[in-house]
């Protein structure tokens, strides 16, 4: 059933992925084939996307060595595409130790969402709304957060210097803002983040308000993962996605969201 988020029309239809031959429901546009998603995608959430303009090729604006720029060539489960819009992808999170942990990733290389071209904000908002509804239907309302670096090679980049927004169904009663403030000794505020300064950003489950912080001292690498891991009772061997890729939890996310 057609719907609209942020002025962007979305439509679902069955389509065979070129990555795999399994047939499933895929987020795609009603017309041109150039709008078809590239990878497995999620079931309908009474949502959907119109490819106007046509989608960016998955190999466009690539940066050598960037894992998200190379996602089209990956066959890893954590790089399977759940949803796609013309300029963004949704994939499971590598090391997502909580089932339902997904990422929204720009196709073009950009360091943070504060540096994203503003003309793409409506499309991003529409996809975030659709992904949130999908997680609500399968899990609970997710918390959203971002590590926003302003330069490469900092701990604020969370190990990958390519913008990505986390959507995570957290255990009931978890308040990310309080956990982060307690760990950092600083307070988050309502000022929008700067494209020229590193920042942390959170939107609590069920809230429309984004809170951000430009920390005085750079937090440790994978900061948000660390505090979620501790607050969730250390559900995996490590919070570090390189040490614990959490294949079983990633598979549980895919099973819940795309049916396999």
C-alpha atoms as a PDB file:
ATOM      1  CA  UNK A   1       0.000   0.000   0.000  1.00  0.00           C
ATOM      2  CA  UNK A   2       1.545   3.361  -0.988  1.00  0.00           C
ATOM      3  CA  UNK A   3       2.473   5.704   1.813  1.00  0.00           C
ATOM      4  CA  UNK A   4       4.564   8.795   2.322  1.00  0.00           C
ATOM      5  CA  UNK A   5       7.180   9.886   4.821  1.00  0.00           C
ATOM      6  CA  UNK A   6       8.596  13.393   4.681  1.00  0.00           C
ATOM      7  CA  UNK A   7       7.126  13.904   1.220  1.00  0.00           C
ATOM      8  CA  UNK A   8       8.889  10.849  -0.237  1.00  0.00           C
ATOM      9  CA  UNK A   9       6.655   8.143  -1.644  1.00  0.00           C
ATOM     10  CA  UNK A  10       7.495   4.564  -0.703  1.00  0.00           C
ATOM     11  CA  UNK A  11       6.364   1.345  -2.295  1.00  0.00           C
ATOM     12  CA  UNK A  12       7.045  -2.323  -1.640  1.00  0.00           C
ATOM     13  CA  UNK A  13       6.967  -5.208  -4.114  1.00  0.00           C
ATOM     14  CA  UNK A  14       8.467  -8.710  -4.351  1.00  0.00           C
ATOM     15  CA  UNK A  15      11.795  -8.795  -6.130  1.00  0.00           C
ATOM     16  CA  UNK A  16      14.667 -11.258  -6.470  1.00  0.00           C
ATOM     17  CA  UNK A  17      17.959  -9.992  -5.097  1.00  0.00           C
ATOM     18  CA  UNK A  18      20.990 -10.198  -7.338  1.00  0.00           C
ATOM     19  CA  UNK A  19      23.062 -11.098  -4.289  1.00  0.00           C
ATOM     20  CA  UNK A  20      20.884 -14.136  -3.597  1.00  0.00           C
ATOM     21  CA  UNK A  21      18.171 -15.924  -5.525  1.00  0.00           C
ATOM     22  CA  UNK A  22      15.699 -16.003  -2.648  1.00  0.00           C
ATOM     23  CA  UNK A  23      12.471 -14.101  -3.339  1.00  0.00           C
ATOM     24  CA  UNK A  24      11.353 -11.693  -0.656  1.00  0.00           C
ATOM     25  CA  UNK A  25       9.681  -8.340  -0.196  1.00  0.00           C
ATOM     26  CA  UNK A  26      11.985  -5.528  -1.220  1.00  0.00           C
ATOM     27  CA  UNK A  27      11.886  -1.787  -0.786  1.00  0.00           C
ATOM     28  CA  UNK A  28      11.959  -0.348  -4.270  1.00  0.00           C
ATOM     29  CA  UNK A  29      10.370   2.104  -6.631  1.00  0.00           C
ATOM     30  CA  UNK A  30       7.342   1.339  -8.761  1.00  0.00           C
ATOM     31  CA  UNK A  31       9.097   2.117 -12.006  1.00  0.00           C
ATOM     32  CA  UNK A  32      12.480   2.150 -13.501  1.00  0.00           C
ATOM     33  CA  UNK A  33      14.710  -0.809 -12.960  1.00  0.00           C
ATOM     34  CA  UNK A  34      17.488   1.568 -11.952  1.00  0.00           C
ATOM     35  CA  UNK A  35      15.572   2.025  -8.714  1.00  0.00           C
ATOM     36  CA  UNK A  36      15.638  -1.633  -7.702  1.00  0.00           C
ATOM     37  CA  UNK A  37      17.477  -2.372  -4.457  1.00  0.00           C
ATOM     38  CA  UNK A  38      20.674  -4.346  -4.545  1.00  0.00           C
ATOM     39  CA  UNK A  39      20.488  -6.994  -1.883  1.00  0.00           C
ATOM     40  CA  UNK A  40      18.028  -8.592   0.420  1.00  0.00           C
ATOM     41  CA  UNK A  41      15.476  -6.247   1.934  1.00  0.00           C
ATOM     42  CA  UNK A  42      12.791  -6.053   4.506  1.00  0.00           C
ATOM     43  CA  UNK A  43       9.113  -6.909   4.600  1.00  0.00           C
ATOM     44  CA  UNK A  44       6.604  -4.205   4.009  1.00  0.00           C
ATOM     45  CA  UNK A  45       5.799  -1.885   6.885  1.00  0.00           C
ATOM     46  CA  UNK A  46       3.006  -0.110   5.026  1.00  0.00           C
ATOM     47  CA  UNK A  47       5.833   2.199   3.844  1.00  0.00           C
ATOM     48  CA  UNK A  48       8.080   3.001   0.760  1.00  0.00           C
ATOM     49  CA  UNK A  49      10.328   4.905  -1.743  1.00  0.00           C
ATOM     50  CA  UNK A  50      10.192   6.631  -5.001  1.00  0.00           C
ATOM     51  CA  UNK A  51      13.467   6.866  -6.904  1.00  0.00           C
ATOM     52  CA  UNK A  52      13.268  10.454  -8.007  1.00  0.00           C
ATOM     53  CA  UNK A  53      16.100  11.263  -8.633  1.00  0.00           C
ATOM     54  CA  UNK A  54      17.521   7.838  -9.618  1.00  0.00           C
ATOM     55  CA  UNK A  55      19.566   6.129  -6.905  1.00  0.00           C
ATOM     56  CA  UNK A  56      23.273   6.669  -6.547  1.00  0.00           C
ATOM     57  CA  UNK A  57      25.291   3.705  -7.828  1.00  0.00           C
ATOM     58  CA  UNK A  58      26.711   1.634  -4.994  1.00  0.00           C
ATOM     59  CA  UNK A  59      30.211   2.202  -6.334  1.00  0.00           C
ATOM     60  CA  UNK A  60      29.897   5.997  -6.514  1.00  0.00           C
ATOM     61  CA  UNK A  61      32.039   8.408  -4.476  1.00  0.00           C
ATOM     62  CA  UNK A  62      34.072   5.535  -3.067  1.00  0.00           C
ATOM     63  CA  UNK A  63      37.013   6.048  -0.735  1.00  0.00           C
ATOM     64  CA  UNK A  64      39.681   3.366  -0.852  1.00  0.00           C
ATOM     65  CA  UNK A  65      39.753   1.224   2.284  1.00  0.00           C
ATOM     66  CA  UNK A  66      36.342   2.383   3.542  1.00  0.00           C
ATOM     67  CA  UNK A  67      34.242  -0.642   4.516  1.00  0.00           C
ATOM     68  CA  UNK A  68      30.927   1.080   3.811  1.00  0.00           C
ATOM     69  CA  UNK A  69      32.137   2.308   0.403  1.00  0.00           C
ATOM     70  CA  UNK A  70      32.931  -1.317  -0.419  1.00  0.00           C
ATOM     71  CA  UNK A  71      29.627  -2.722   0.778  1.00  0.00           C
ATOM     72  CA  UNK A  72      28.450  -3.684  -2.726  1.00  0.00           C
ATOM     73  CA  UNK A  73      31.253  -6.235  -3.019  1.00  0.00           C
ATOM     74  CA  UNK A  74      30.683  -7.741   0.426  1.00  0.00           C
ATOM     75  CA  UNK A  75      28.930 -11.066   0.971  1.00  0.00           C
ATOM     76  CA  UNK A  76      28.979 -10.814   4.763  1.00  0.00           C
ATOM     77  CA  UNK A  77      25.658 -11.185   6.550  1.00  0.00           C
ATOM     78  CA  UNK A  78      26.169  -7.875   8.333  1.00  0.00           C
ATOM     79  CA  UNK A  79      26.369  -6.130   4.940  1.00  0.00           C
ATOM     80  CA  UNK A  80      23.108  -7.525   3.571  1.00  0.00           C
ATOM     81  CA  UNK A  81      20.923  -4.626   2.496  1.00  0.00           C
ATOM     82  CA  UNK A  82      17.624  -4.511   4.366  1.00  0.00           C
ATOM     83  CA  UNK A  83      16.265  -1.266   2.883  1.00  0.00           C
ATOM     84  CA  UNK A  84      17.476   1.090   0.209  1.00  0.00           C
ATOM     85  CA  UNK A  85      16.573   4.599  -0.915  1.00  0.00           C
ATOM     86  CA  UNK A  86      18.246   6.552  -3.717  1.00  0.00           C
ATOM     87  CA  UNK A  87      21.048   7.746  -1.435  1.00  0.00           C
ATOM     88  CA  UNK A  88      21.001   5.534   1.673  1.00  0.00           C
ATOM     89  CA  UNK A  89      21.180   1.882   2.734  1.00  0.00           C
ATOM     90  CA  UNK A  90      20.020   0.049   5.841  1.00  0.00           C
ATOM     91  CA  UNK A  91      22.150  -2.920   6.942  1.00  0.00           C
ATOM     92  CA  UNK A  92      22.566  -4.961  10.135  1.00  0.00           C
ATOM     93  CA  UNK A  93      25.341  -3.782  12.422  1.00  0.00           C
ATOM     94  CA  UNK A  94      28.486  -5.876  12.537  1.00  0.00           C
ATOM     95  CA  UNK A  95      28.923  -6.763  16.193  1.00  0.00           C
ATOM     96  CA  UNK A  96      25.291  -5.889  16.903  1.00  0.00           C
ATOM     97  CA  UNK A  97      25.060  -7.857  20.150  1.00  0.00           C
ATOM     98  CA  UNK A  98      21.378  -6.943  20.543  1.00  0.00           C
ATOM     99  CA  UNK A  99      19.014  -8.381  17.885  1.00  0.00           C
ATOM    100  CA  UNK A 100      17.454  -5.659  15.750  1.00  0.00           C
ATOM    101  CA  UNK A 101      20.573  -3.457  15.716  1.00  0.00           C
ATOM    102  CA  UNK A 102      20.721  -1.776  12.295  1.00  0.00           C
ATOM    103  CA  UNK A 103      22.591   1.068  10.592  1.00  0.00           C
ATOM    104  CA  UNK A 104      21.534   3.739   8.104  1.00  0.00           C
ATOM    105  CA  UNK A 105      24.480   4.462   5.796  1.00  0.00           C
ATOM    106  CA  UNK A 106      24.823   7.108   3.048  1.00  0.00           C
ATOM    107  CA  UNK A 107      25.865   5.615  -0.291  1.00  0.00           C
ATOM    108  CA  UNK A 108      28.139   8.576  -1.057  1.00  0.00           C
ATOM    109  CA  UNK A 109      31.131   8.904   1.277  1.00  0.00           C
ATOM    110  CA  UNK A 110      30.647  11.549   3.955  1.00  0.00           C
ATOM    111  CA  UNK A 111      32.161  11.656   7.447  1.00  0.00           C
ATOM    112  CA  UNK A 112      29.063  12.518   9.460  1.00  0.00           C
ATOM    113  CA  UNK A 113      25.394  13.370   9.028  1.00  0.00           C
ATOM    114  CA  UNK A 114      26.195  16.955  10.008  1.00  0.00           C
ATOM    115  CA  UNK A 115      28.242  17.108   6.790  1.00  0.00           C
ATOM    116  CA  UNK A 116      25.459  15.579   4.681  1.00  0.00           C
ATOM    117  CA  UNK A 117      24.011  17.664   1.852  1.00  0.00           C
ATOM    118  CA  UNK A 118      20.869  19.229   3.304  1.00  0.00           C
ATOM    119  CA  UNK A 119      18.908  18.382   0.174  1.00  0.00           C
ATOM    120  CA  UNK A 120      19.004  14.734   1.356  1.00  0.00           C
ATOM    121  CA  UNK A 121      17.512  15.392   4.800  1.00  0.00           C
ATOM    122  CA  UNK A 122      13.912  14.632   3.771  1.00  0.00           C
ATOM    123  CA  UNK A 123      14.961  11.314   2.230  1.00  0.00           C
ATOM    124  CA  UNK A 124      16.973  10.437   5.356  1.00  0.00           C
ATOM    125  CA  UNK A 125      14.052  11.328   7.629  1.00  0.00           C
ATOM    126  CA  UNK A 126      11.696   9.198   5.544  1.00  0.00           C
ATOM    127  CA  UNK A 127      13.993   6.192   5.692  1.00  0.00           C
ATOM    128  CA  UNK A 128      14.610   6.628   9.422  1.00  0.00           C
ATOM    129  CA  UNK A 129      10.842   6.685   9.988  1.00  0.00           C
ATOM    130  CA  UNK A 130      10.331   3.559   7.877  1.00  0.00           C
ATOM    131  CA  UNK A 131      13.172   1.700   9.620  1.00  0.00           C
ATOM    132  CA  UNK A 132      11.829   2.737  13.014  1.00  0.00           C
ATOM    133  CA  UNK A 133       8.368   1.409  12.153  1.00  0.00           C
ATOM    134  CA  UNK A 134       9.916  -1.857  10.994  1.00  0.00           C
ATOM    135  CA  UNK A 135      11.797  -2.294  14.272  1.00  0.00           C
ATOM    136  CA  UNK A 136       8.703  -1.367  16.265  1.00  0.00           C
ATOM    137  CA  UNK A 137       6.766  -4.112  14.456  1.00  0.00           C
ATOM    138  CA  UNK A 138       9.429  -6.771  15.161  1.00  0.00           C
ATOM    139  CA  UNK A 139      11.106  -5.576  18.378  1.00  0.00           C
ATOM    140  CA  UNK A 140      10.528  -2.289  20.249  1.00  0.00           C
ATOM    141  CA  UNK A 141      10.901   1.399  19.420  1.00  0.00           C
ATOM    142  CA  UNK A 142      14.621   1.920  18.810  1.00  0.00           C
ATOM    143  CA  UNK A 143      17.028   4.447  20.234  1.00  0.00           C
ATOM    144  CA  UNK A 144      19.052   6.289  17.575  1.00  0.00           C
ATOM    145  CA  UNK A 145      22.597   7.552  17.963  1.00  0.00           C
ATOM    146  CA  UNK A 146      25.595   8.683  15.964  1.00  0.00           C
ATOM    147  CA  UNK A 147      29.316   9.141  16.461  1.00  0.00           C
ATOM    148  CA  UNK A 148      29.994  12.261  14.384  1.00  0.00           C
ATOM    149  CA  UNK A 149      33.655  12.814  13.514  1.00  0.00           C
ATOM    150  CA  UNK A 150      34.831  15.982  11.788  1.00  0.00           C
ATOM    151  CA  UNK A 151      38.125  14.471  10.616  1.00  0.00           C
ATOM    152  CA  UNK A 152      39.445  11.015   9.857  1.00  0.00           C
ATOM    153  CA  UNK A 153      41.248   8.776  12.311  1.00  0.00           C
ATOM    154  CA  UNK A 154      39.594   9.921  15.537  1.00  0.00           C
ATOM    155  CA  UNK A 155      37.847   7.773  18.168  1.00  0.00           C
ATOM    156  CA  UNK A 156      34.640   9.686  17.424  1.00  0.00           C
ATOM    157  CA  UNK A 157      34.492   7.826  14.107  1.00  0.00           C
ATOM    158  CA  UNK A 158      33.739   4.566  15.923  1.00  0.00           C
ATOM    159  CA  UNK A 159      36.353   2.811  13.775  1.00  0.00           C
ATOM    160  CA  UNK A 160      34.765   3.639  10.391  1.00  0.00           C
ATOM    161  CA  UNK A 161      35.155   7.126   8.949  1.00  0.00           C
ATOM    162  CA  UNK A 162      31.918   7.006   6.956  1.00  0.00           C
ATOM    163  CA  UNK A 163      28.670   8.363   8.408  1.00  0.00           C
ATOM    164  CA  UNK A 164      26.301   5.790   9.887  1.00  0.00           C
ATOM    165  CA  UNK A 165      23.279   6.155  12.136  1.00  0.00           C
ATOM    166  CA  UNK A 166      22.569   3.402  14.660  1.00  0.00           C
ATOM    167  CA  UNK A 167      18.985   2.295  15.381  1.00  0.00           C
ATOM    168  CA  UNK A 168      18.935  -0.114  18.333  1.00  0.00           C
ATOM    169  CA  UNK A 169      16.041  -1.731  20.225  1.00  0.00           C
ATOM    170  CA  UNK A 170      17.436  -1.339  23.749  1.00  0.00           C
ATOM    171  CA  UNK A 171      16.271  -3.170  26.890  1.00  0.00           C
ATOM    172  CA  UNK A 172      13.262  -1.524  28.517  1.00  0.00           C
ATOM    173  CA  UNK A 173      14.182   1.382  30.767  1.00  0.00           C
ATOM    174  CA  UNK A 174      17.563   2.083  29.158  1.00  0.00           C
ATOM    175  CA  UNK A 175      18.269   5.800  28.845  1.00  0.00           C
ATOM    176  CA  UNK A 176      21.276   6.348  26.602  1.00  0.00           C
ATOM    177  CA  UNK A 177      21.599  10.035  27.400  1.00  0.00           C
ATOM    178  CA  UNK A 178      21.922   9.441  31.139  1.00  0.00           C
ATOM    179  CA  UNK A 179      24.401   6.613  30.611  1.00  0.00           C
ATOM    180  CA  UNK A 180      26.537   8.729  28.277  1.00  0.00           C
ATOM    181  CA  UNK A 181      26.432  11.788  30.540  1.00  0.00           C
ATOM    182  CA  UNK A 182      27.434   9.709  33.555  1.00  0.00           C
ATOM    183  CA  UNK A 183      30.369   8.206  31.658  1.00  0.00           C
ATOM    184  CA  UNK A 184      31.573  11.497  30.179  1.00  0.00           C
ATOM    185  CA  UNK A 185      30.757  13.907  33.003  1.00  0.00           C
ATOM    186  CA  UNK A 186      29.188  16.274  30.463  1.00  0.00           C
ATOM    187  CA  UNK A 187      25.633  17.203  29.508  1.00  0.00           C
ATOM    188  CA  UNK A 188      23.952  16.782  26.127  1.00  0.00           C
ATOM    189  CA  UNK A 189      22.002  19.747  24.756  1.00  0.00           C
ATOM    190  CA  UNK A 190      19.539  20.648  22.027  1.00  0.00           C
ATOM    191  CA  UNK A 191      21.938  22.659  19.826  1.00  0.00           C
ATOM    192  CA  UNK A 192      22.393  20.995  16.419  1.00  0.00           C
ATOM    193  CA  UNK A 193      25.819  19.456  15.832  1.00  0.00           C
ATOM    194  CA  UNK A 194      28.478  21.292  13.857  1.00  0.00           C
ATOM    195  CA  UNK A 195      29.913  19.949  10.624  1.00  0.00           C
ATOM    196  CA  UNK A 196      33.361  21.197  11.671  1.00  0.00           C
ATOM    197  CA  UNK A 197      33.543  19.744  15.193  1.00  0.00           C
ATOM    198  CA  UNK A 198      33.313  16.167  16.406  1.00  0.00           C
ATOM    199  CA  UNK A 199      30.114  15.290  18.235  1.00  0.00           C
ATOM    200  CA  UNK A 200      27.941  12.585  19.770  1.00  0.00           C
ATOM    201  CA  UNK A 201      24.209  12.563  19.071  1.00  0.00           C
ATOM    202  CA  UNK A 202      21.280  10.652  20.600  1.00  0.00           C
ATOM    203  CA  UNK A 203      17.527  10.363  20.060  1.00  0.00           C
ATOM    204  CA  UNK A 204      15.854   8.394  22.814  1.00  0.00           C
ATOM    205  CA  UNK A 205      13.207   5.802  21.972  1.00  0.00           C
ATOM    206  CA  UNK A 206       9.813   7.439  21.527  1.00  0.00           C
ATOM    207  CA  UNK A 207      11.239  10.965  21.332  1.00  0.00           C
ATOM    208  CA  UNK A 208      11.408  13.311  18.343  1.00  0.00           C
ATOM    209  CA  UNK A 209      14.177  15.391  19.919  1.00  0.00           C
ATOM    210  CA  UNK A 210      17.846  14.963  19.055  1.00  0.00           C
ATOM    211  CA  UNK A 211      20.406  15.759  21.749  1.00  0.00           C
ATOM    212  CA  UNK A 212      24.049  16.358  20.929  1.00  0.00           C
ATOM    213  CA  UNK A 213      27.374  16.977  22.628  1.00  0.00           C
ATOM    214  CA  UNK A 214      30.769  18.163  21.437  1.00  0.00           C
ATOM    215  CA  UNK A 215      32.859  16.403  24.087  1.00  0.00           C
ATOM    216  CA  UNK A 216      35.751  18.309  25.636  1.00  0.00           C
ATOM    217  CA  UNK A 217      37.795  15.117  25.757  1.00  0.00           C
ATOM    218  CA  UNK A 218      37.471  12.545  22.973  1.00  0.00           C
ATOM    219  CA  UNK A 219      35.616   9.454  24.237  1.00  0.00           C
ATOM    220  CA  UNK A 220      37.069   5.971  23.750  1.00  0.00           C
ATOM    221  CA  UNK A 221      36.548   4.173  20.458  1.00  0.00           C
ATOM    222  CA  UNK A 222      33.070   2.599  20.128  1.00  0.00           C
ATOM    223  CA  UNK A 223      31.921   4.625  23.120  1.00  0.00           C
ATOM    224  CA  UNK A 224      28.180   4.054  22.701  1.00  0.00           C
ATOM    225  CA  UNK A 225      28.716   0.325  22.159  1.00  0.00           C
ATOM    226  CA  UNK A 226      30.649   0.147  25.409  1.00  0.00           C
ATOM    227  CA  UNK A 227      27.952   1.732  27.538  1.00  0.00           C
ATOM    228  CA  UNK A 228      25.146  -0.299  25.898  1.00  0.00           C
ATOM    229  CA  UNK A 229      27.153  -3.497  26.398  1.00  0.00           C
ATOM    230  CA  UNK A 230      27.620  -2.754  30.098  1.00  0.00           C
ATOM    231  CA  UNK A 231      23.990  -1.670  30.608  1.00  0.00           C
ATOM    232  CA  UNK A 232      22.742  -4.811  28.815  1.00  0.00           C
ATOM    233  CA  UNK A 233      24.681  -7.170  31.067  1.00  0.00           C
ATOM    234  CA  UNK A 234      27.573  -7.863  28.658  1.00  0.00           C
ATOM    235  CA  UNK A 235      25.574 -10.093  26.288  1.00  0.00           C
ATOM    236  CA  UNK A 236      28.580 -10.973  24.083  1.00  0.00           C
ATOM    237  CA  UNK A 237      32.272 -11.672  24.490  1.00  0.00           C
ATOM    238  CA  UNK A 238      33.110  -8.052  23.750  1.00  0.00           C
ATOM    239  CA  UNK A 239      31.474  -4.779  22.771  1.00  0.00           C
ATOM    240  CA  UNK A 240      34.124  -4.444  20.014  1.00  0.00           C
ATOM    241  CA  UNK A 241      32.684  -5.502  16.652  1.00  0.00           C
ATOM    242  CA  UNK A 242      36.108  -6.644  15.435  1.00  0.00           C
ATOM    243  CA  UNK A 243      36.571  -8.953  18.417  1.00  0.00           C
ATOM    244  CA  UNK A 244      32.947 -10.150  18.508  1.00  0.00           C
ATOM    245  CA  UNK A 245      31.089  -9.804  15.170  1.00  0.00           C
ATOM    246  CA  UNK A 246      28.042 -11.465  16.831  1.00  0.00           C
ATOM    247  CA  UNK A 247      27.040 -13.558  13.822  1.00  0.00           C
ATOM    248  CA  UNK A 248      24.115 -15.224  15.611  1.00  0.00           C
ATOM    249  CA  UNK A 249      22.599 -11.887  16.669  1.00  0.00           C
ATOM    250  CA  UNK A 250      23.077 -10.475  13.155  1.00  0.00           C
ATOM    251  CA  UNK A 251      21.289 -13.533  11.773  1.00  0.00           C
ATOM    252  CA  UNK A 252      18.482 -13.042  14.314  1.00  0.00           C
ATOM    253  CA  UNK A 253      18.110  -9.469  13.060  1.00  0.00           C
ATOM    254  CA  UNK A 254      17.903 -10.614   9.437  1.00  0.00           C
ATOM    255  CA  UNK A 255      15.439 -13.390  10.289  1.00  0.00           C
ATOM    256  CA  UNK A 256      13.168 -10.937  12.078  1.00  0.00           C
ATOM    257  CA  UNK A 257      13.354  -8.195   9.456  1.00  0.00           C
ATOM    258  CA  UNK A 258      13.639 -10.019   6.143  1.00  0.00           C
ATOM    259  CA  UNK A 259      12.471 -13.506   7.048  1.00  0.00           C
ATOM    260  CA  UNK A 260      15.830 -15.294   6.658  1.00  0.00           C
END
